[in-house]
Amino acid sequence: MLSKEVLKVAEVLQLNAKKEADASENYIFQKQVIGDALLVEQDPVIIELLQKIDAATDEKISDELNHSASLIEEFVTLTKIPISED
Protein backbone atom coordinates (compact mmCIF):
# COMPACT_ATOMS: atom_id res chain seq x y z
CA MET A 1 0.00 0.00 0.00
CA LEU A 2 1.26 3.46 -0.89
CA SER A 3 1.60 6.07 1.82
CA LYS A 4 -0.66 9.10 1.76
CA GLU A 5 2.39 11.24 0.94
CA VAL A 6 3.22 9.14 -2.12
CA LEU A 7 -0.42 9.21 -3.17
CA LYS A 8 -0.29 12.99 -2.87
CA VAL A 9 2.68 13.04 -5.26
CA ALA A 10 0.68 10.83 -7.65
CA GLU A 11 -2.28 13.19 -7.36
CA VAL A 12 -0.09 16.20 -8.20
CA LEU A 13 1.38 14.35 -11.19
CA GLN A 14 -2.14 13.77 -12.50
CA LEU A 15 -3.11 17.40 -11.82
CA ASN A 16 -0.13 18.57 -13.84
CA ALA A 17 -0.95 16.10 -16.62
CA LYS A 18 -4.45 17.64 -16.78
CA LYS A 19 -2.92 21.11 -17.01
CA GLU A 20 -0.75 19.93 -19.91
CA ALA A 21 -3.86 18.58 -21.65
CA ASP A 22 -5.68 21.87 -21.04
CA ALA A 23 -2.75 23.78 -22.54
CA SER A 24 -2.82 21.53 -25.60
CA GLU A 25 -6.54 22.16 -25.99
CA ASN A 26 -5.94 25.92 -25.87
CA TYR A 27 -3.18 25.64 -28.46
CA ILE A 28 -5.50 23.66 -30.75
CA PHE A 29 -8.02 26.50 -30.46
CA GLN A 30 -5.19 28.91 -31.28
CA LYS A 31 -4.44 26.91 -34.43
CA GLN A 32 -8.10 27.10 -35.45
CA VAL A 33 -8.10 30.89 -35.05
CA ILE A 34 -4.86 31.18 -37.01
CA GLY A 35 -6.30 28.95 -39.75
CA ASP A 36 -9.40 31.15 -39.96
CA ALA A 37 -7.22 34.26 -40.26
CA LEU A 38 -5.14 32.63 -43.00
CA LEU A 39 -8.30 31.97 -45.02
CA VAL A 40 -9.14 35.67 -45.27
CA GLU A 41 -5.80 37.49 -44.96
CA GLN A 42 -4.40 39.13 -48.09
CA ASP A 43 -1.23 40.79 -46.80
CA PRO A 44 1.75 38.51 -47.57
CA VAL A 45 3.70 39.83 -44.57
CA ILE A 46 0.82 38.97 -42.21
CA ILE A 47 0.34 35.59 -43.90
CA GLU A 48 4.01 34.75 -43.36
CA LEU A 49 3.80 35.83 -39.72
CA LEU A 50 0.66 33.75 -39.15
CA GLN A 51 2.38 30.72 -40.72
CA LYS A 52 5.35 31.18 -38.36
CA ILE A 53 3.02 31.47 -35.37
CA ASP A 54 1.19 28.34 -36.53
CA ALA A 55 4.46 26.40 -36.78
CA ALA A 56 5.50 27.66 -33.33
CA THR A 57 2.11 26.54 -32.00
CA ASP A 58 2.75 23.03 -33.35
CA GLU A 59 6.04 23.01 -31.44
CA LYS A 60 4.27 24.10 -28.27
CA ILE A 61 1.71 21.30 -28.65
CA SER A 62 4.55 18.85 -29.17
CA ASP A 63 6.18 20.09 -25.95
CA GLU A 64 2.93 19.68 -24.03
CA LEU A 65 2.55 16.13 -25.34
CA ASN A 66 6.10 15.37 -24.25
CA HIS A 67 5.38 16.76 -20.78
CA SER A 68 2.14 14.73 -20.58
CA ALA A 69 3.92 11.52 -21.53
CA SER A 70 6.61 12.16 -18.93
CA LEU A 71 4.06 12.81 -16.19
CA ILE A 72 2.15 9.63 -17.07
CA GLU A 73 5.36 7.61 -17.04
CA GLU A 74 6.27 9.04 -13.62
CA PHE A 75 2.78 8.24 -12.30
CA VAL A 76 2.92 4.65 -13.57
CA THR A 77 6.42 4.13 -12.18
CA LEU A 78 5.52 5.63 -8.80
CA THR A 79 2.20 3.86 -8.29
CA LYS A 80 2.95 0.66 -10.22
CA ILE A 81 -0.52 1.02 -11.79
CA PRO A 82 -0.05 -0.05 -15.42
CA ILE A 83 -1.68 1.58 -18.41
CA SER A 84 -4.52 -0.59 -19.66
CA GLU A 85 -3.78 -2.35 -22.92
CA ASP A 86 -7.40 -2.41 -24.15
PDB file of N, CA and C in Angstrom:
ATOM      1  N   MET A   1       0.839  -1.181   0.000  1.00  0.00           N
ATOM      2  CA  MET A   1       0.000   0.000   0.000  1.00  0.00           C
ATOM      3  C   MET A   1       0.882   1.242   0.000  1.00  0.00           C
ATOM      4  N   LEU A   2       0.493   2.215  -0.800  1.00  0.00           N
ATOM      5  CA  LEU A   2       1.255   3.458  -0.888  1.00  0.00           C
ATOM      6  C   LEU A   2       0.871   4.392   0.255  1.00  0.00           C
ATOM      7  N   SER A   3       1.867   5.115   0.745  1.00  0.00           N
ATOM      8  CA  SER A   3       1.596   6.071   1.817  1.00  0.00           C
ATOM      9  C   SER A   3       0.773   7.238   1.285  1.00  0.00           C
ATOM     10  N   LYS A   4       0.136   7.958   2.185  1.00  0.00           N
ATOM     11  CA  LYS A   4      -0.662   9.104   1.761  1.00  0.00           C
ATOM     12  C   LYS A   4       0.217  10.177   1.123  1.00  0.00           C
ATOM     13  N   GLU A   5       1.467  10.265   1.535  1.00  0.00           N
ATOM     14  CA  GLU A   5       2.387  11.240   0.941  1.00  0.00           C
ATOM     15  C   GLU A   5       2.722  10.880  -0.506  1.00  0.00           C
ATOM     16  N   VAL A   6       2.936   9.590  -0.763  1.00  0.00           N
ATOM     17  CA  VAL A   6       3.222   9.137  -2.122  1.00  0.00           C
ATOM     18  C   VAL A   6       1.974   9.303  -2.990  1.00  0.00           C
ATOM     19  N   LEU A   7       0.820   8.996  -2.431  1.00  0.00           N
ATOM     20  CA  LEU A   7      -0.425   9.207  -3.172  1.00  0.00           C
ATOM     21  C   LEU A   7      -0.639  10.686  -3.494  1.00  0.00           C
ATOM     22  N   LYS A   8      -0.194  11.553  -2.602  1.00  0.00           N
ATOM     23  CA  LYS A   8      -0.294  12.990  -2.865  1.00  0.00           C
ATOM     24  C   LYS A   8       0.602  13.372  -4.042  1.00  0.00           C
ATOM     25  N   VAL A   9       1.796  12.801  -4.111  1.00  0.00           N
ATOM     26  CA  VAL A   9       2.682  13.039  -5.256  1.00  0.00           C
ATOM     27  C   VAL A   9       1.993  12.562  -6.530  1.00  0.00           C
ATOM     28  N   ALA A  10       1.389  11.371  -6.486  1.00  0.00           N
ATOM     29  CA  ALA A  10       0.683  10.830  -7.648  1.00  0.00           C
ATOM     30  C   ALA A  10      -0.463  11.749  -8.056  1.00  0.00           C
ATOM     31  N   GLU A  11      -1.174  12.275  -7.075  1.00  0.00           N
ATOM     32  CA  GLU A  11      -2.275  13.194  -7.356  1.00  0.00           C
ATOM     33  C   GLU A  11      -1.766  14.459  -8.056  1.00  0.00           C
ATOM     34  N   VAL A  12      -0.660  14.990  -7.594  1.00  0.00           N
ATOM     35  CA  VAL A  12      -0.086  16.197  -8.204  1.00  0.00           C
ATOM     36  C   VAL A  12       0.403  15.904  -9.622  1.00  0.00           C
ATOM     37  N   LEU A  13       0.979  14.725  -9.840  1.00  0.00           N
ATOM     38  CA  LEU A  13       1.384  14.346 -11.192  1.00  0.00           C
ATOM     39  C   LEU A  13       0.184  14.353 -12.134  1.00  0.00           C
ATOM     40  N   GLN A  14      -0.939  13.801 -11.675  1.00  0.00           N
ATOM     41  CA  GLN A  14      -2.143  13.772 -12.501  1.00  0.00           C
ATOM     42  C   GLN A  14      -2.719  15.175 -12.714  1.00  0.00           C
ATOM     43  N   LEU A  15      -2.659  16.011 -11.683  1.00  0.00           N
ATOM     44  CA  LEU A  15      -3.112  17.397 -11.823  1.00  0.00           C
ATOM     45  C   LEU A  15      -2.291  18.125 -12.885  1.00  0.00           C
ATOM     46  N   ASN A  16      -0.992  17.929 -12.842  1.00  0.00           N
ATOM     47  CA  ASN A  16      -0.129  18.569 -13.838  1.00  0.00           C
ATOM     48  C   ASN A  16      -0.350  17.990 -15.228  1.00  0.00           C
ATOM     49  N   ALA A  17      -0.636  16.704 -15.321  1.00  0.00           N
ATOM     50  CA  ALA A  17      -0.947  16.097 -16.621  1.00  0.00           C
ATOM     51  C   ALA A  17      -2.226  16.718 -17.198  1.00  0.00           C
ATOM     52  N   LYS A  18      -3.205  16.979 -16.327  1.00  0.00           N
ATOM     53  CA  LYS A  18      -4.446  17.635 -16.775  1.00  0.00           C
ATOM     54  C   LYS A  18      -4.145  19.044 -17.276  1.00  0.00           C
ATOM     55  N   LYS A  19      -3.283  19.756 -16.585  1.00  0.00           N
ATOM     56  CA  LYS A  19      -2.923  21.113 -17.011  1.00  0.00           C
ATOM     57  C   LYS A  19      -2.217  21.093 -18.367  1.00  0.00           C
ATOM     58  N   GLU A  20      -1.403  20.081 -18.608  1.00  0.00           N
ATOM     59  CA  GLU A  20      -0.753  19.934 -19.913  1.00  0.00           C
ATOM     60  C   GLU A  20      -1.804  19.691 -20.994  1.00  0.00           C
ATOM     61  N   ALA A  21      -2.791  18.846 -20.687  1.00  0.00           N
ATOM     62  CA  ALA A  21      -3.861  18.576 -21.654  1.00  0.00           C
ATOM     63  C   ALA A  21      -4.684  19.838 -21.917  1.00  0.00           C
ATOM     64  N   ASP A  22      -4.945  20.606 -20.868  1.00  0.00           N
ATOM     65  CA  ASP A  22      -5.682  21.866 -21.035  1.00  0.00           C
ATOM     66  C   ASP A  22      -4.899  22.834 -21.916  1.00  0.00           C
ATOM     67  N   ALA A  23      -3.586  22.903 -21.721  1.00  0.00           N
ATOM     68  CA  ALA A  23      -2.750  23.781 -22.539  1.00  0.00           C
ATOM     69  C   ALA A  23      -2.800  23.340 -23.999  1.00  0.00           C
ATOM     70  N   SER A  24      -2.735  22.033 -24.235  1.00  0.00           N
ATOM     71  CA  SER A  24      -2.825  21.527 -25.605  1.00  0.00           C
ATOM     72  C   SER A  24      -4.154  21.914 -26.237  1.00  0.00           C
ATOM     73  N   GLU A  25      -5.224  21.789 -25.477  1.00  0.00           N
ATOM     74  CA  GLU A  25      -6.545  22.156 -25.990  1.00  0.00           C
ATOM     75  C   GLU A  25      -6.578  23.636 -26.381  1.00  0.00           C
ATOM     76  N   ASN A  26      -5.984  24.486 -25.561  1.00  0.00           N
ATOM     77  CA  ASN A  26      -5.944  25.919 -25.871  1.00  0.00           C
ATOM     78  C   ASN A  26      -5.100  26.189 -27.112  1.00  0.00           C
ATOM     79  N   TYR A  27      -4.008  25.460 -27.267  1.00  0.00           N
ATOM     80  CA  TYR A  27      -3.178  25.639 -28.464  1.00  0.00           C
ATOM     81  C   TYR A  27      -3.911  25.174 -29.727  1.00  0.00           C
ATOM     82  N   ILE A  28      -4.709  24.124 -29.601  1.00  0.00           N
ATOM     83  CA  ILE A  28      -5.502  23.663 -30.746  1.00  0.00           C
ATOM     84  C   ILE A  28      -6.503  24.742 -31.152  1.00  0.00           C
ATOM     85  N   PHE A  29      -7.125  25.387 -30.163  1.00  0.00           N
ATOM     86  CA  PHE A  29      -8.020  26.505 -30.456  1.00  0.00           C
ATOM     87  C   PHE A  29      -7.247  27.632 -31.145  1.00  0.00           C
ATOM     88  N   GLN A  30      -6.040  27.888 -30.661  1.00  0.00           N
ATOM     89  CA  GLN A  30      -5.188  28.912 -31.276  1.00  0.00           C
ATOM     90  C   GLN A  30      -4.937  28.588 -32.743  1.00  0.00           C
ATOM     91  N   LYS A  31      -4.656  27.319 -33.050  1.00  0.00           N
ATOM     92  CA  LYS A  31      -4.435  26.908 -34.433  1.00  0.00           C
ATOM     93  C   LYS A  31      -5.689  27.129 -35.283  1.00  0.00           C
ATOM     94  N   GLN A  32      -6.861  26.874 -34.714  1.00  0.00           N
ATOM     95  CA  GLN A  32      -8.100  27.101 -35.452  1.00  0.00           C
ATOM     96  C   GLN A  32      -8.273  28.581 -35.794  1.00  0.00           C
ATOM     97  N   VAL A  33      -7.983  29.450 -34.838  1.00  0.00           N
ATOM     98  CA  VAL A  33      -8.102  30.890 -35.054  1.00  0.00           C
ATOM     99  C   VAL A  33      -7.097  31.351 -36.098  1.00  0.00           C
ATOM    100  N   ILE A  34      -5.878  30.839 -36.015  1.00  0.00           N
ATOM    101  CA  ILE A  34      -4.858  31.175 -37.015  1.00  0.00           C
ATOM    102  C   ILE A  34      -5.307  30.706 -38.398  1.00  0.00           C
ATOM    103  N   GLY A  35      -5.825  29.485 -38.477  1.00  0.00           N
ATOM    104  CA  GLY A  35      -6.305  28.954 -39.754  1.00  0.00           C
ATOM    105  C   GLY A  35      -7.413  29.811 -40.341  1.00  0.00           C
ATOM    106  N   ASP A  36      -8.328  30.266 -39.490  1.00  0.00           N
ATOM    107  CA  ASP A  36      -9.396  31.146 -39.955  1.00  0.00           C
ATOM    108  C   ASP A  36      -8.824  32.449 -40.506  1.00  0.00           C
ATOM    109  N   ALA A  37      -7.837  33.008 -39.810  1.00  0.00           N
ATOM    110  CA  ALA A  37      -7.221  34.259 -40.263  1.00  0.00           C
ATOM    111  C   ALA A  37      -6.501  34.064 -41.596  1.00  0.00           C
ATOM    112  N   LEU A  38      -5.854  32.914 -41.749  1.00  0.00           N
ATOM    113  CA  LEU A  38      -5.144  32.634 -42.999  1.00  0.00           C
ATOM    114  C   LEU A  38      -6.094  32.526 -44.191  1.00  0.00           C
ATOM    115  N   LEU A  39      -7.318  32.109 -43.938  1.00  0.00           N
ATOM    116  CA  LEU A  39      -8.297  31.970 -45.024  1.00  0.00           C
ATOM    117  C   LEU A  39      -8.727  33.316 -45.603  1.00  0.00           C
ATOM    118  N   VAL A  40      -8.645  34.368 -44.817  1.00  0.00           N
ATOM    119  CA  VAL A  40      -9.137  35.671 -45.271  1.00  0.00           C
ATOM    120  C   VAL A  40      -8.038  36.713 -45.470  1.00  0.00           C
ATOM    121  N   GLU A  41      -6.868  36.477 -44.905  1.00  0.00           N
ATOM    122  CA  GLU A  41      -5.803  37.486 -44.959  1.00  0.00           C
ATOM    123  C   GLU A  41      -5.229  37.612 -46.373  1.00  0.00           C
ATOM    124  N   GLN A  42      -4.953  38.835 -46.768  1.00  0.00           N
ATOM    125  CA  GLN A  42      -4.404  39.128 -48.090  1.00  0.00           C
ATOM    126  C   GLN A  42      -2.955  39.615 -48.035  1.00  0.00           C
ATOM    127  N   ASP A  43      -2.570  40.209 -46.927  1.00  0.00           N
ATOM    128  CA  ASP A  43      -1.232  40.791 -46.796  1.00  0.00           C
ATOM    129  C   ASP A  43      -0.188  39.681 -46.660  1.00  0.00           C
ATOM    130  N   PRO A  44       0.751  39.585 -47.615  1.00  0.00           N
ATOM    131  CA  PRO A  44       1.753  38.506 -47.566  1.00  0.00           C
ATOM    132  C   PRO A  44       2.616  38.539 -46.308  1.00  0.00           C
ATOM    133  N   VAL A  45       2.884  39.717 -45.787  1.00  0.00           N
ATOM    134  CA  VAL A  45       3.695  39.826 -44.567  1.00  0.00           C
ATOM    135  C   VAL A  45       2.941  39.217 -43.391  1.00  0.00           C
ATOM    136  N   ILE A  46       1.653  39.528 -43.290  1.00  0.00           N
ATOM    137  CA  ILE A  46       0.822  38.971 -42.214  1.00  0.00           C
ATOM    138  C   ILE A  46       0.658  37.466 -42.398  1.00  0.00           C
ATOM    139  N   ILE A  47       0.467  37.027 -43.624  1.00  0.00           N
ATOM    140  CA  ILE A  47       0.342  35.591 -43.898  1.00  0.00           C
ATOM    141  C   ILE A  47       1.594  34.854 -43.440  1.00  0.00           C
ATOM    142  N   GLU A  48       2.757  35.386 -43.774  1.00  0.00           N
ATOM    143  CA  GLU A  48       4.012  34.751 -43.360  1.00  0.00           C
ATOM    144  C   GLU A  48       4.124  34.709 -41.836  1.00  0.00           C
ATOM    145  N   LEU A  49       3.749  35.793 -41.182  1.00  0.00           N
ATOM    146  CA  LEU A  49       3.801  35.828 -39.722  1.00  0.00           C
ATOM    147  C   LEU A  49       2.843  34.798 -39.122  1.00  0.00           C
ATOM    148  N   LEU A  50       1.629  34.735 -39.649  1.00  0.00           N
ATOM    149  CA  LEU A  50       0.663  33.747 -39.149  1.00  0.00           C
ATOM    150  C   LEU A  50       1.168  32.321 -39.342  1.00  0.00           C
ATOM    151  N   GLN A  51       1.818  32.057 -40.466  1.00  0.00           N
ATOM    152  CA  GLN A  51       2.379  30.723 -40.718  1.00  0.00           C
ATOM    153  C   GLN A  51       3.487  30.402 -39.714  1.00  0.00           C
ATOM    154  N   LYS A  52       4.297  31.391 -39.366  1.00  0.00           N
ATOM    155  CA  LYS A  52       5.350  31.181 -38.361  1.00  0.00           C
ATOM    156  C   LYS A  52       4.740  30.922 -36.988  1.00  0.00           C
ATOM    157  N   ILE A  53       3.693  31.685 -36.653  1.00  0.00           N
ATOM    158  CA  ILE A  53       3.016  31.475 -35.371  1.00  0.00           C
ATOM    159  C   ILE A  53       2.379  30.092 -35.333  1.00  0.00           C
ATOM    160  N   ASP A  54       1.799  29.664 -36.452  1.00  0.00           N
ATOM    161  CA  ASP A  54       1.188  28.338 -36.526  1.00  0.00           C
ATOM    162  C   ASP A  54       2.236  27.242 -36.307  1.00  0.00           C
ATOM    163  N   ALA A  55       3.388  27.388 -36.953  1.00  0.00           N
ATOM    164  CA  ALA A  55       4.463  26.401 -36.777  1.00  0.00           C
ATOM    165  C   ALA A  55       4.961  26.395 -35.327  1.00  0.00           C
ATOM    166  N   ALA A  56       5.071  27.573 -34.728  1.00  0.00           N
ATOM    167  CA  ALA A  56       5.501  27.656 -33.329  1.00  0.00           C
ATOM    168  C   ALA A  56       4.454  27.029 -32.414  1.00  0.00           C
ATOM    169  N   THR A  57       3.191  27.155 -32.776  1.00  0.00           N
ATOM    170  CA  THR A  57       2.113  26.543 -31.998  1.00  0.00           C
ATOM    171  C   THR A  57       2.208  25.020 -32.061  1.00  0.00           C
ATOM    172  N   ASP A  58       2.540  24.485 -33.239  1.00  0.00           N
ATOM    173  CA  ASP A  58       2.751  23.034 -33.353  1.00  0.00           C
ATOM    174  C   ASP A  58       3.856  22.578 -32.408  1.00  0.00           C
ATOM    175  N   GLU A  59       4.924  23.348 -32.334  1.00  0.00           N
ATOM    176  CA  GLU A  59       6.044  23.013 -31.445  1.00  0.00           C
ATOM    177  C   GLU A  59       5.591  23.050 -29.980  1.00  0.00           C
ATOM    178  N   LYS A  60       4.773  24.006 -29.646  1.00  0.00           N
ATOM    179  CA  LYS A  60       4.267  24.100 -28.268  1.00  0.00           C
ATOM    180  C   LYS A  60       3.388  22.892 -27.936  1.00  0.00           C
ATOM    181  N   ILE A  61       2.538  22.492 -28.870  1.00  0.00           N
ATOM    182  CA  ILE A  61       1.707  21.301 -28.651  1.00  0.00           C
ATOM    183  C   ILE A  61       2.596  20.075 -28.464  1.00  0.00           C
ATOM    184  N   SER A  62       3.616  19.964 -29.285  1.00  0.00           N
ATOM    185  CA  SER A  62       4.549  18.845 -29.166  1.00  0.00           C
ATOM    186  C   SER A  62       5.209  18.825 -27.785  1.00  0.00           C
ATOM    187  N   ASP A  63       5.593  19.995 -27.296  1.00  0.00           N
ATOM    188  CA  ASP A  63       6.181  20.088 -25.953  1.00  0.00           C
ATOM    189  C   ASP A  63       5.195  19.634 -24.886  1.00  0.00           C
ATOM    190  N   GLU A  64       3.944  20.075 -25.014  1.00  0.00           N
ATOM    191  CA  GLU A  64       2.926  19.684 -24.034  1.00  0.00           C
ATOM    192  C   GLU A  64       2.720  18.169 -24.047  1.00  0.00           C
ATOM    193  N   LEU A  65       2.698  17.579 -25.245  1.00  0.00           N
ATOM    194  CA  LEU A  65       2.550  16.127 -25.341  1.00  0.00           C
ATOM    195  C   LEU A  65       3.725  15.405 -24.691  1.00  0.00           C
ATOM    196  N   ASN A  66       4.917  15.940 -24.882  1.00  0.00           N
ATOM    197  CA  ASN A  66       6.104  15.367 -24.250  1.00  0.00           C
ATOM    198  C   ASN A  66       5.996  15.450 -22.731  1.00  0.00           C
ATOM    199  N   HIS A  67       5.550  16.603 -22.229  1.00  0.00           N
ATOM    200  CA  HIS A  67       5.376  16.757 -20.782  1.00  0.00           C
ATOM    201  C   HIS A  67       4.314  15.787 -20.267  1.00  0.00           C
ATOM    202  N   SER A  68       3.216  15.649 -20.993  1.00  0.00           N
ATOM    203  CA  SER A  68       2.143  14.731 -20.580  1.00  0.00           C
ATOM    204  C   SER A  68       2.651  13.295 -20.497  1.00  0.00           C
ATOM    205  N   ALA A  69       3.382  12.882 -21.514  1.00  0.00           N
ATOM    206  CA  ALA A  69       3.919  11.517 -21.533  1.00  0.00           C
ATOM    207  C   ALA A  69       4.861  11.285 -20.357  1.00  0.00           C
ATOM    208  N   SER A  70       5.676  12.272 -20.050  1.00  0.00           N
ATOM    209  CA  SER A  70       6.609  12.163 -18.930  1.00  0.00           C
ATOM    210  C   SER A  70       5.865  12.045 -17.602  1.00  0.00           C
ATOM    211  N   LEU A  71       4.838  12.864 -17.429  1.00  0.00           N
ATOM    212  CA  LEU A  71       4.058  12.810 -16.191  1.00  0.00           C
ATOM    213  C   LEU A  71       3.346  11.472 -16.043  1.00  0.00           C
ATOM    214  N   ILE A  72       2.811  10.941 -17.118  1.00  0.00           N
ATOM    215  CA  ILE A  72       2.147   9.630 -17.067  1.00  0.00           C
ATOM    216  C   ILE A  72       3.154   8.541 -16.711  1.00  0.00           C
ATOM    217  N   GLU A  73       4.321   8.597 -17.345  1.00  0.00           N
ATOM    218  CA  GLU A  73       5.362   7.610 -17.043  1.00  0.00           C
ATOM    219  C   GLU A  73       5.763   7.677 -15.570  1.00  0.00           C
ATOM    220  N   GLU A  74       5.908   8.879 -15.041  1.00  0.00           N
ATOM    221  CA  GLU A  74       6.267   9.039 -13.624  1.00  0.00           C
ATOM    222  C   GLU A  74       5.169   8.477 -12.725  1.00  0.00           C
ATOM    223  N   PHE A  75       3.908   8.745 -13.077  1.00  0.00           N
ATOM    224  CA  PHE A  75       2.780   8.237 -12.298  1.00  0.00           C
ATOM    225  C   PHE A  75       2.778   6.714 -12.279  1.00  0.00           C
ATOM    226  N   VAL A  76       2.927   6.112 -13.452  1.00  0.00           N
ATOM    227  CA  VAL A  76       2.921   4.648 -13.566  1.00  0.00           C
ATOM    228  C   VAL A  76       4.078   4.043 -12.774  1.00  0.00           C
ATOM    229  N   THR A  77       5.247   4.634 -12.896  1.00  0.00           N
ATOM    230  CA  THR A  77       6.415   4.127 -12.178  1.00  0.00           C
ATOM    231  C   THR A  77       6.230   4.253 -10.667  1.00  0.00           C
ATOM    232  N   LEU A  78       5.697   5.392 -10.229  1.00  0.00           N
ATOM    233  CA  LEU A  78       5.515   5.632  -8.801  1.00  0.00           C
ATOM    234  C   LEU A  78       4.459   4.716  -8.199  1.00  0.00           C
ATOM    235  N   THR A  79       3.326   4.595  -8.864  1.00  0.00           N
ATOM    236  CA  THR A  79       2.195   3.858  -8.293  1.00  0.00           C
ATOM    237  C   THR A  79       2.180   2.378  -8.647  1.00  0.00           C
ATOM    238  N   LYS A  80       2.930   2.038  -9.685  1.00  0.00           N
ATOM    239  CA  LYS A  80       2.948   0.662 -10.217  1.00  0.00           C
ATOM    240  C   LYS A  80       1.576   0.264 -10.785  1.00  0.00           C
ATOM    241  N   ILE A  81       0.767   1.271 -11.134  1.00  0.00           N
ATOM    242  CA  ILE A  81      -0.522   1.025 -11.794  1.00  0.00           C
ATOM    243  C   ILE A  81      -0.263   1.095 -13.298  1.00  0.00           C
ATOM    244  N   PRO A  82      -0.380  -0.043 -13.981  1.00  0.00           N
ATOM    245  CA  PRO A  82      -0.052  -0.052 -15.417  1.00  0.00           C
ATOM    246  C   PRO A  82      -1.135   0.625 -16.255  1.00  0.00           C
ATOM    247  N   ILE A  83      -0.733   1.066 -17.417  1.00  0.00           N
ATOM    248  CA  ILE A  83      -1.677   1.585 -18.409  1.00  0.00           C
ATOM    249  C   ILE A  83      -2.406   0.404 -19.021  1.00  0.00           C
ATOM    250  N   SER A  84      -3.715   0.481 -19.088  1.00  0.00           N
ATOM    251  CA  SER A  84      -4.518  -0.591 -19.663  1.00  0.00           C
ATOM    252  C   SER A  84      -4.171  -0.790 -21.122  1.00  0.00           C
ATOM    253  N   GLU A  85      -4.124  -2.017 -21.552  1.00  0.00           N
ATOM    254  CA  GLU A  85      -3.780  -2.352 -22.924  1.00  0.00           C
ATOM    255  C   GLU A  85      -4.997  -2.376 -23.852  1.00  0.00           C
ATOM    256  N   ASP A  86      -6.211  -2.312 -23.298  1.00  0.00           N
ATOM    257  CA  ASP A  86      -7.405  -2.409 -24.152  1.00  0.00           C
ATOM    258  C   ASP A  86      -8.038  -1.096 -24.454  1.00  0.00           C
TER     259      ASP A  86
END
